[in-house]
Amino acid sequence: MTFTTDNRFTQTTLATAVQDVTTLFNCLSIDDKLGLLWFIYTETGRSITAAAPGTARLQLAEGLLNQVKALSFDDQLQFMRDLVANVDTPLTRAYGVFSPNTKLAFWYQLAELMRQGFVVPVPAGYRLSRDANRVFDAIKALDFGQQITVLRNAVVAMGVDPLAV
């Protein structure tokens, strides 16, 4: 007996899984999205590091990262909230011109700066909300390529593209 798989079904199922988890992420509150991004980068950081775009992409984000580092912790948190909420500010517009891979690299580097204490850290003992934890579990259930796609979808939707305003 010979078994075959229908690649169209498999691709559709994979695409649907990514779309469903991206939709779940988009339904979270702003602070839940920020907390979840932190957990994603800290929990899967080693594997994301391998997929993070190279130094050329980070060089493109370096100016904005330096501006964020220069802000007070309160202003850094407000910037991140504005970024997630698509509030139109000079800093969210600077982020908006980045390519999808540069946005992914930006958030990876932002998480590193948080870990190093240069950017406002997640409060000690922070726990994900029930909804954010469900999304996190859904992300962990995906394969690595799907996880990166969900993460890319999440960060691409943030900021303000000055060319589209």
N, C-alpha and C. Protein backbone atom coordinates (compact mmCIF):
# COMPACT_ATOMS: atom_id res chain seq x y z
N MET A 1 0.85 -1.17 0.00
CA MET A 1 0.00 0.00 0.00
C MET A 1 0.90 1.24 0.00
N THR A 2 0.58 2.20 -0.83
CA THR A 2 1.36 3.42 -0.95
C THR A 2 0.55 4.59 -0.40
N PHE A 3 1.22 5.42 0.40
CA PHE A 3 0.57 6.60 0.94
C PHE A 3 1.20 7.84 0.31
N THR A 4 0.39 8.78 -0.02
CA THR A 4 0.90 10.05 -0.54
C THR A 4 0.28 11.17 0.26
N THR A 5 0.94 12.28 0.26
CA THR A 5 0.38 13.45 0.94
C THR A 5 0.02 14.48 -0.09
N ASP A 6 -0.97 15.23 0.22
CA ASP A 6 -1.39 16.32 -0.66
C ASP A 6 -0.68 17.58 -0.18
N ASN A 7 0.36 18.00 -0.90
CA ASN A 7 1.13 19.17 -0.50
C ASN A 7 0.28 20.42 -0.37
N ARG A 8 -0.73 20.54 -1.21
CA ARG A 8 -1.61 21.72 -1.11
C ARG A 8 -2.30 21.73 0.24
N PHE A 9 -2.77 20.57 0.71
CA PHE A 9 -3.43 20.49 2.01
C PHE A 9 -2.45 20.85 3.12
N THR A 10 -1.23 20.30 3.05
CA THR A 10 -0.22 20.57 4.07
C THR A 10 0.14 22.05 4.09
N GLN A 11 0.37 22.65 2.94
CA GLN A 11 0.71 24.07 2.88
C GLN A 11 -0.43 24.93 3.40
N THR A 12 -1.66 24.57 3.04
CA THR A 12 -2.82 25.33 3.51
C THR A 12 -2.95 25.21 5.02
N THR A 13 -2.75 24.01 5.55
CA THR A 13 -2.84 23.80 6.99
C THR A 13 -1.77 24.60 7.72
N LEU A 14 -0.53 24.59 7.20
CA LEU A 14 0.54 25.36 7.82
C LEU A 14 0.25 26.85 7.77
N ALA A 15 -0.22 27.33 6.63
CA ALA A 15 -0.54 28.75 6.49
C ALA A 15 -1.69 29.12 7.41
N THR A 16 -2.67 28.25 7.54
CA THR A 16 -3.80 28.52 8.42
C THR A 16 -3.35 28.58 9.87
N ALA A 17 -2.46 27.69 10.28
CA ALA A 17 -1.95 27.70 11.65
C ALA A 17 -1.25 29.02 11.95
N VAL A 18 -0.42 29.47 11.04
CA VAL A 18 0.28 30.75 11.22
C VAL A 18 -0.73 31.90 11.29
N GLN A 19 -1.69 31.89 10.38
CA GLN A 19 -2.70 32.95 10.36
C GLN A 19 -3.52 32.94 11.65
N ASP A 20 -3.90 31.76 12.12
CA ASP A 20 -4.70 31.67 13.35
C ASP A 20 -3.93 32.19 14.56
N VAL A 21 -2.66 31.82 14.68
CA VAL A 21 -1.86 32.27 15.82
C VAL A 21 -1.58 33.77 15.71
N THR A 22 -1.34 34.26 14.51
CA THR A 22 -1.15 35.71 14.31
C THR A 22 -2.40 36.46 14.73
N THR A 23 -3.57 35.94 14.38
CA THR A 23 -4.84 36.57 14.77
C THR A 23 -4.98 36.58 16.29
N LEU A 24 -4.64 35.47 16.93
CA LEU A 24 -4.69 35.41 18.40
C LEU A 24 -3.78 36.48 19.00
N PHE A 25 -2.56 36.60 18.46
CA PHE A 25 -1.63 37.61 18.95
C PHE A 25 -2.23 39.01 18.79
N ASN A 26 -2.81 39.28 17.64
CA ASN A 26 -3.36 40.62 17.37
C ASN A 26 -4.52 40.97 18.28
N CYS A 27 -5.18 39.98 18.86
CA CYS A 27 -6.31 40.23 19.77
C CYS A 27 -5.87 40.57 21.19
N LEU A 28 -4.59 40.41 21.50
CA LEU A 28 -4.09 40.71 22.84
C LEU A 28 -4.05 42.21 23.09
N SER A 29 -4.03 42.59 24.36
CA SER A 29 -3.84 44.00 24.74
C SER A 29 -2.41 44.41 24.40
N ILE A 30 -2.17 45.69 24.40
CA ILE A 30 -0.83 46.21 24.08
C ILE A 30 0.21 45.65 25.06
N ASP A 31 -0.08 45.73 26.36
CA ASP A 31 0.88 45.24 27.34
C ASP A 31 1.06 43.73 27.27
N ASP A 32 -0.01 42.99 26.95
CA ASP A 32 0.13 41.54 26.76
C ASP A 32 1.02 41.24 25.57
N LYS A 33 0.89 42.02 24.50
CA LYS A 33 1.77 41.81 23.33
C LYS A 33 3.23 42.05 23.71
N LEU A 34 3.49 43.13 24.45
CA LEU A 34 4.86 43.41 24.87
C LEU A 34 5.41 42.31 25.76
N GLY A 35 4.60 41.87 26.72
CA GLY A 35 5.04 40.79 27.61
C GLY A 35 5.30 39.51 26.85
N LEU A 36 4.43 39.21 25.91
CA LEU A 36 4.59 37.99 25.12
C LEU A 36 5.84 38.06 24.25
N LEU A 37 6.10 39.21 23.64
CA LEU A 37 7.33 39.36 22.85
C LEU A 37 8.55 39.09 23.72
N TRP A 38 8.53 39.62 24.94
CA TRP A 38 9.65 39.39 25.86
C TRP A 38 9.81 37.89 26.11
N PHE A 39 8.71 37.21 26.42
CA PHE A 39 8.78 35.78 26.68
C PHE A 39 9.25 35.01 25.46
N ILE A 40 8.77 35.38 24.29
CA ILE A 40 9.18 34.69 23.07
C ILE A 40 10.68 34.82 22.89
N TYR A 41 11.19 36.03 23.04
CA TYR A 41 12.63 36.23 22.82
C TYR A 41 13.47 35.60 23.91
N THR A 42 12.98 35.57 25.15
CA THR A 42 13.78 34.95 26.21
C THR A 42 13.68 33.42 26.17
N GLU A 43 12.51 32.89 25.86
CA GLU A 43 12.32 31.44 25.81
C GLU A 43 12.94 30.82 24.57
N THR A 44 12.81 31.49 23.45
CA THR A 44 13.29 30.90 22.20
C THR A 44 14.45 31.69 21.63
N GLY A 45 15.04 32.54 22.43
CA GLY A 45 16.09 33.43 21.96
C GLY A 45 17.25 32.75 21.29
N ARG A 46 17.64 31.60 21.81
CA ARG A 46 18.78 30.90 21.21
C ARG A 46 18.47 30.49 19.77
N SER A 47 17.26 30.01 19.54
CA SER A 47 16.93 29.60 18.18
C SER A 47 16.62 30.80 17.30
N ILE A 48 16.04 31.84 17.89
CA ILE A 48 15.77 33.05 17.11
C ILE A 48 17.08 33.71 16.71
N THR A 49 18.07 33.64 17.57
CA THR A 49 19.37 34.22 17.26
C THR A 49 19.89 33.67 15.94
N ALA A 50 19.73 32.39 15.73
CA ALA A 50 20.21 31.78 14.49
C ALA A 50 19.45 32.31 13.28
N ALA A 51 18.20 32.70 13.48
CA ALA A 51 17.38 33.18 12.37
C ALA A 51 17.40 34.70 12.25
N ALA A 52 17.93 35.37 13.27
CA ALA A 52 17.94 36.83 13.24
C ALA A 52 18.80 37.32 12.08
N PRO A 53 18.32 38.34 11.39
CA PRO A 53 19.08 38.87 10.26
C PRO A 53 20.47 39.35 10.69
N GLY A 54 21.35 39.41 9.74
CA GLY A 54 22.75 39.75 10.00
C GLY A 54 22.98 41.17 10.46
N THR A 55 24.26 41.48 10.67
CA THR A 55 24.64 42.77 11.21
C THR A 55 24.26 43.93 10.30
N ALA A 56 24.17 43.70 9.01
CA ALA A 56 23.76 44.78 8.11
C ALA A 56 22.38 45.29 8.48
N ARG A 57 21.46 44.37 8.79
CA ARG A 57 20.12 44.76 9.19
C ARG A 57 20.15 45.49 10.54
N LEU A 58 20.98 44.99 11.46
CA LEU A 58 21.08 45.64 12.77
C LEU A 58 21.67 47.04 12.64
N GLN A 59 22.59 47.24 11.69
CA GLN A 59 23.15 48.57 11.49
C GLN A 59 22.08 49.55 11.06
N LEU A 60 21.11 49.06 10.26
CA LEU A 60 20.01 49.93 9.85
C LEU A 60 19.16 50.36 11.05
N ALA A 61 19.05 49.50 12.05
CA ALA A 61 18.23 49.79 13.23
C ALA A 61 19.02 50.48 14.34
N GLU A 62 20.32 50.53 14.22
CA GLU A 62 21.19 51.04 15.28
C GLU A 62 20.83 52.47 15.72
N GLY A 63 20.54 53.34 14.77
CA GLY A 63 20.21 54.72 15.12
C GLY A 63 18.97 54.80 16.00
N LEU A 64 17.93 54.06 15.63
CA LEU A 64 16.71 54.07 16.44
C LEU A 64 16.96 53.41 17.80
N LEU A 65 17.70 52.33 17.81
CA LEU A 65 18.02 51.68 19.10
C LEU A 65 18.77 52.63 20.02
N ASN A 66 19.70 53.40 19.48
CA ASN A 66 20.43 54.38 20.29
C ASN A 66 19.50 55.48 20.82
N GLN A 67 18.55 55.91 19.99
CA GLN A 67 17.58 56.91 20.46
C GLN A 67 16.72 56.34 21.60
N VAL A 68 16.33 55.09 21.47
CA VAL A 68 15.51 54.45 22.51
C VAL A 68 16.32 54.31 23.79
N LYS A 69 17.59 53.90 23.68
CA LYS A 69 18.45 53.76 24.86
C LYS A 69 18.61 55.09 25.60
N ALA A 70 18.59 56.20 24.86
CA ALA A 70 18.78 57.52 25.46
C ALA A 70 17.54 58.00 26.22
N LEU A 71 16.40 57.37 26.02
CA LEU A 71 15.17 57.77 26.70
C LEU A 71 15.16 57.26 28.14
N SER A 72 14.34 57.90 28.99
CA SER A 72 14.13 57.38 30.33
C SER A 72 13.38 56.05 30.23
N PHE A 73 13.41 55.25 31.29
CA PHE A 73 12.68 53.99 31.26
C PHE A 73 11.20 54.20 30.98
N ASP A 74 10.60 55.24 31.59
CA ASP A 74 9.18 55.52 31.34
C ASP A 74 8.93 55.83 29.87
N ASP A 75 9.81 56.63 29.28
CA ASP A 75 9.65 56.99 27.87
C ASP A 75 9.93 55.80 26.95
N GLN A 76 10.85 54.91 27.35
CA GLN A 76 11.10 53.70 26.57
C GLN A 76 9.85 52.82 26.53
N LEU A 77 9.22 52.67 27.69
CA LEU A 77 8.00 51.86 27.75
C LEU A 77 6.90 52.51 26.91
N GLN A 78 6.79 53.83 26.98
CA GLN A 78 5.78 54.51 26.17
C GLN A 78 6.06 54.34 24.68
N PHE A 79 7.33 54.40 24.30
CA PHE A 79 7.70 54.16 22.90
C PHE A 79 7.24 52.77 22.45
N MET A 80 7.53 51.75 23.28
CA MET A 80 7.14 50.39 22.91
C MET A 80 5.62 50.27 22.81
N ARG A 81 4.91 50.90 23.73
CA ARG A 81 3.44 50.87 23.66
C ARG A 81 2.95 51.59 22.40
N ASP A 82 3.56 52.74 22.10
CA ASP A 82 3.18 53.49 20.88
C ASP A 82 3.46 52.66 19.63
N LEU A 83 4.57 51.96 19.64
CA LEU A 83 4.94 51.12 18.50
C LEU A 83 3.88 50.03 18.26
N VAL A 84 3.49 49.36 19.33
CA VAL A 84 2.51 48.28 19.23
C VAL A 84 1.14 48.83 18.83
N ALA A 85 0.81 50.02 19.35
CA ALA A 85 -0.51 50.62 19.09
C ALA A 85 -0.55 51.43 17.79
N ASN A 86 0.56 51.49 17.08
CA ASN A 86 0.65 52.24 15.82
C ASN A 86 0.36 53.73 16.01
N VAL A 87 0.83 54.29 17.12
CA VAL A 87 0.70 55.72 17.37
C VAL A 87 1.74 56.43 16.51
N ASP A 88 1.35 57.52 15.87
CA ASP A 88 2.23 58.24 14.96
C ASP A 88 3.14 59.20 15.73
N THR A 89 4.41 58.81 15.88
CA THR A 89 5.43 59.65 16.50
C THR A 89 6.67 59.59 15.62
N PRO A 90 7.62 60.49 15.83
CA PRO A 90 8.85 60.40 15.03
C PRO A 90 9.56 59.04 15.16
N LEU A 91 9.57 58.48 16.37
CA LEU A 91 10.25 57.20 16.57
C LEU A 91 9.49 56.03 15.93
N THR A 92 8.17 56.04 16.00
CA THR A 92 7.41 54.95 15.38
C THR A 92 7.45 55.05 13.86
N ARG A 93 7.60 56.28 13.34
CA ARG A 93 7.78 56.43 11.89
C ARG A 93 9.16 55.93 11.46
N ALA A 94 10.18 56.18 12.29
CA ALA A 94 11.53 55.68 11.98
C ALA A 94 11.51 54.15 11.91
N TYR A 95 10.80 53.51 12.80
CA TYR A 95 10.65 52.06 12.79
C TYR A 95 9.85 51.62 11.56
N GLY A 96 8.86 52.38 11.20
CA GLY A 96 7.96 52.03 10.10
C GLY A 96 8.63 51.88 8.75
N VAL A 97 9.78 52.50 8.56
CA VAL A 97 10.46 52.38 7.27
C VAL A 97 11.35 51.13 7.17
N PHE A 98 11.53 50.44 8.29
CA PHE A 98 12.36 49.23 8.27
C PHE A 98 11.70 48.13 7.46
N SER A 99 12.52 47.27 6.88
CA SER A 99 12.02 46.08 6.19
C SER A 99 11.52 45.09 7.26
N PRO A 100 10.73 44.11 6.85
CA PRO A 100 10.28 43.10 7.83
C PRO A 100 11.43 42.44 8.60
N ASN A 101 12.50 42.08 7.93
CA ASN A 101 13.62 41.43 8.62
C ASN A 101 14.35 42.39 9.56
N THR A 102 14.42 43.67 9.19
CA THR A 102 15.04 44.65 10.09
C THR A 102 14.17 44.85 11.32
N LYS A 103 12.85 44.84 11.15
CA LYS A 103 11.95 44.94 12.30
C LYS A 103 12.13 43.74 13.23
N LEU A 104 12.30 42.57 12.67
CA LEU A 104 12.54 41.38 13.47
C LEU A 104 13.86 41.51 14.23
N ALA A 105 14.89 41.99 13.55
CA ALA A 105 16.19 42.20 14.18
C ALA A 105 16.11 43.28 15.26
N PHE A 106 15.32 44.33 15.01
CA PHE A 106 15.15 45.41 15.98
C PHE A 106 14.61 44.86 17.30
N TRP A 107 13.54 44.05 17.23
CA TRP A 107 12.93 43.51 18.45
C TRP A 107 13.87 42.53 19.14
N TYR A 108 14.62 41.78 18.37
CA TYR A 108 15.61 40.89 19.00
C TYR A 108 16.62 41.72 19.78
N GLN A 109 17.14 42.78 19.15
CA GLN A 109 18.13 43.61 19.82
C GLN A 109 17.52 44.36 21.00
N LEU A 110 16.28 44.79 20.87
CA LEU A 110 15.59 45.46 21.97
C LEU A 110 15.49 44.52 23.18
N ALA A 111 15.16 43.25 22.95
CA ALA A 111 15.10 42.27 24.04
C ALA A 111 16.47 42.09 24.68
N GLU A 112 17.52 42.09 23.86
CA GLU A 112 18.89 41.98 24.39
C GLU A 112 19.21 43.19 25.27
N LEU A 113 18.82 44.38 24.81
CA LEU A 113 19.08 45.60 25.59
C LEU A 113 18.28 45.61 26.89
N MET A 114 17.09 45.02 26.86
CA MET A 114 16.30 44.90 28.08
C MET A 114 17.02 43.96 29.06
N ARG A 115 17.51 42.86 28.54
CA ARG A 115 18.21 41.88 29.38
C ARG A 115 19.47 42.49 29.99
N GLN A 116 20.13 43.38 29.24
CA GLN A 116 21.36 44.00 29.70
C GLN A 116 21.11 45.21 30.61
N GLY A 117 19.85 45.66 30.70
CA GLY A 117 19.52 46.78 31.58
C GLY A 117 19.57 48.14 30.93
N PHE A 118 19.79 48.21 29.61
CA PHE A 118 19.83 49.49 28.91
C PHE A 118 18.44 49.98 28.52
N VAL A 119 17.51 49.06 28.44
CA VAL A 119 16.12 49.39 28.10
C VAL A 119 15.25 48.84 29.23
N VAL A 120 14.17 49.54 29.50
CA VAL A 120 13.29 49.19 30.62
C VAL A 120 13.00 47.68 30.62
N PRO A 121 13.31 47.03 31.74
CA PRO A 121 13.09 45.58 31.79
C PRO A 121 11.64 45.24 32.12
N VAL A 122 11.28 44.01 31.83
CA VAL A 122 9.99 43.50 32.28
C VAL A 122 10.10 43.38 33.80
N PRO A 123 9.06 43.77 34.53
CA PRO A 123 9.15 43.71 36.01
C PRO A 123 9.51 42.31 36.50
N ALA A 124 10.31 42.26 37.57
CA ALA A 124 10.68 40.97 38.16
C ALA A 124 9.41 40.23 38.56
N GLY A 125 9.39 38.95 38.29
CA GLY A 125 8.24 38.14 38.65
C GLY A 125 7.05 38.28 37.71
N TYR A 126 7.24 39.00 36.59
CA TYR A 126 6.15 39.19 35.63
C TYR A 126 5.67 37.84 35.12
N ARG A 127 4.35 37.69 35.06
CA ARG A 127 3.75 36.48 34.51
C ARG A 127 2.80 36.88 33.40
N LEU A 128 2.79 36.08 32.36
CA LEU A 128 1.87 36.34 31.26
C LEU A 128 0.42 36.20 31.74
N SER A 129 -0.45 37.00 31.15
CA SER A 129 -1.87 36.87 31.43
C SER A 129 -2.35 35.52 30.87
N ARG A 130 -3.53 35.11 31.23
CA ARG A 130 -4.10 33.85 30.74
C ARG A 130 -4.17 33.87 29.21
N ASP A 131 -4.65 34.99 28.63
CA ASP A 131 -4.77 35.07 27.17
C ASP A 131 -3.41 35.03 26.49
N ALA A 132 -2.45 35.79 27.03
CA ALA A 132 -1.11 35.80 26.43
C ALA A 132 -0.45 34.43 26.56
N ASN A 133 -0.70 33.75 27.67
CA ASN A 133 -0.13 32.41 27.85
C ASN A 133 -0.70 31.43 26.84
N ARG A 134 -1.98 31.57 26.51
CA ARG A 134 -2.59 30.72 25.48
C ARG A 134 -1.92 30.94 24.13
N VAL A 135 -1.67 32.21 23.81
CA VAL A 135 -1.01 32.52 22.54
C VAL A 135 0.42 31.97 22.55
N PHE A 136 1.10 32.11 23.68
CA PHE A 136 2.46 31.60 23.81
C PHE A 136 2.48 30.09 23.60
N ASP A 137 1.54 29.39 24.20
CA ASP A 137 1.45 27.94 24.02
C ASP A 137 1.19 27.59 22.55
N ALA A 138 0.34 28.38 21.89
CA ALA A 138 0.05 28.14 20.48
C ALA A 138 1.30 28.36 19.63
N ILE A 139 2.08 29.37 19.97
CA ILE A 139 3.32 29.63 19.23
C ILE A 139 4.31 28.49 19.44
N LYS A 140 4.44 28.04 20.68
CA LYS A 140 5.38 26.95 20.97
C LYS A 140 4.99 25.66 20.25
N ALA A 141 3.70 25.49 19.95
CA ALA A 141 3.23 24.28 19.26
C ALA A 141 3.58 24.30 17.77
N LEU A 142 3.94 25.45 17.24
CA LEU A 142 4.29 25.57 15.82
C LEU A 142 5.72 25.10 15.60
N ASP A 143 6.05 24.78 14.36
CA ASP A 143 7.45 24.46 14.07
C ASP A 143 8.23 25.77 13.99
N PHE A 144 9.55 25.64 13.96
CA PHE A 144 10.40 26.83 14.05
C PHE A 144 10.11 27.85 12.95
N GLY A 145 9.97 27.40 11.72
CA GLY A 145 9.70 28.32 10.62
C GLY A 145 8.38 29.06 10.81
N GLN A 146 7.38 28.35 11.30
CA GLN A 146 6.09 28.98 11.57
C GLN A 146 6.20 30.00 12.71
N GLN A 147 6.99 29.67 13.73
CA GLN A 147 7.18 30.59 14.85
C GLN A 147 7.79 31.91 14.35
N ILE A 148 8.81 31.79 13.51
CA ILE A 148 9.46 32.99 12.97
C ILE A 148 8.46 33.79 12.12
N THR A 149 7.63 33.10 11.35
CA THR A 149 6.64 33.80 10.52
C THR A 149 5.63 34.54 11.39
N VAL A 150 5.15 33.91 12.46
CA VAL A 150 4.22 34.59 13.37
C VAL A 150 4.89 35.80 13.99
N LEU A 151 6.12 35.63 14.43
CA LEU A 151 6.85 36.74 15.04
C LEU A 151 7.06 37.87 14.03
N ARG A 152 7.42 37.52 12.82
CA ARG A 152 7.60 38.52 11.77
C ARG A 152 6.27 39.24 11.50
N ASN A 153 5.18 38.47 11.40
CA ASN A 153 3.86 39.09 11.19
C ASN A 153 3.54 40.08 12.29
N ALA A 154 3.86 39.71 13.52
CA ALA A 154 3.55 40.58 14.65
C ALA A 154 4.33 41.89 14.59
N VAL A 155 5.63 41.82 14.34
CA VAL A 155 6.45 43.03 14.40
C VAL A 155 6.30 43.89 13.15
N VAL A 156 5.93 43.27 12.02
CA VAL A 156 5.72 44.05 10.78
C VAL A 156 4.51 44.97 10.93
N ALA A 157 3.51 44.51 11.68
CA ALA A 157 2.27 45.29 11.84
C ALA A 157 2.46 46.48 12.79
N MET A 158 3.60 46.59 13.42
CA MET A 158 3.83 47.66 14.40
C MET A 158 4.45 48.88 13.76
N GLY A 159 4.34 50.01 14.45
CA GLY A 159 4.91 51.25 13.97
C GLY A 159 4.02 51.93 12.95
N VAL A 160 4.55 52.99 12.37
CA VAL A 160 3.79 53.76 11.39
C VAL A 160 4.67 53.93 10.15
N ASP A 161 4.17 53.47 9.03
CA ASP A 161 4.90 53.62 7.78
C ASP A 161 4.64 55.04 7.26
N PRO A 162 5.65 55.91 7.29
CA PRO A 162 5.43 57.30 6.86
C PRO A 162 5.06 57.42 5.39
N LEU A 163 5.37 56.40 4.60
CA LEU A 163 5.03 56.44 3.19
C LEU A 163 3.55 56.12 2.95
N ALA A 164 2.92 55.52 3.94
CA ALA A 164 1.50 55.14 3.81
C ALA A 164 0.57 56.14 4.49
N VAL A 165 1.15 57.11 5.17
CA VAL A 165 0.33 58.08 5.92
C VAL A 165 -0.18 59.16 4.98
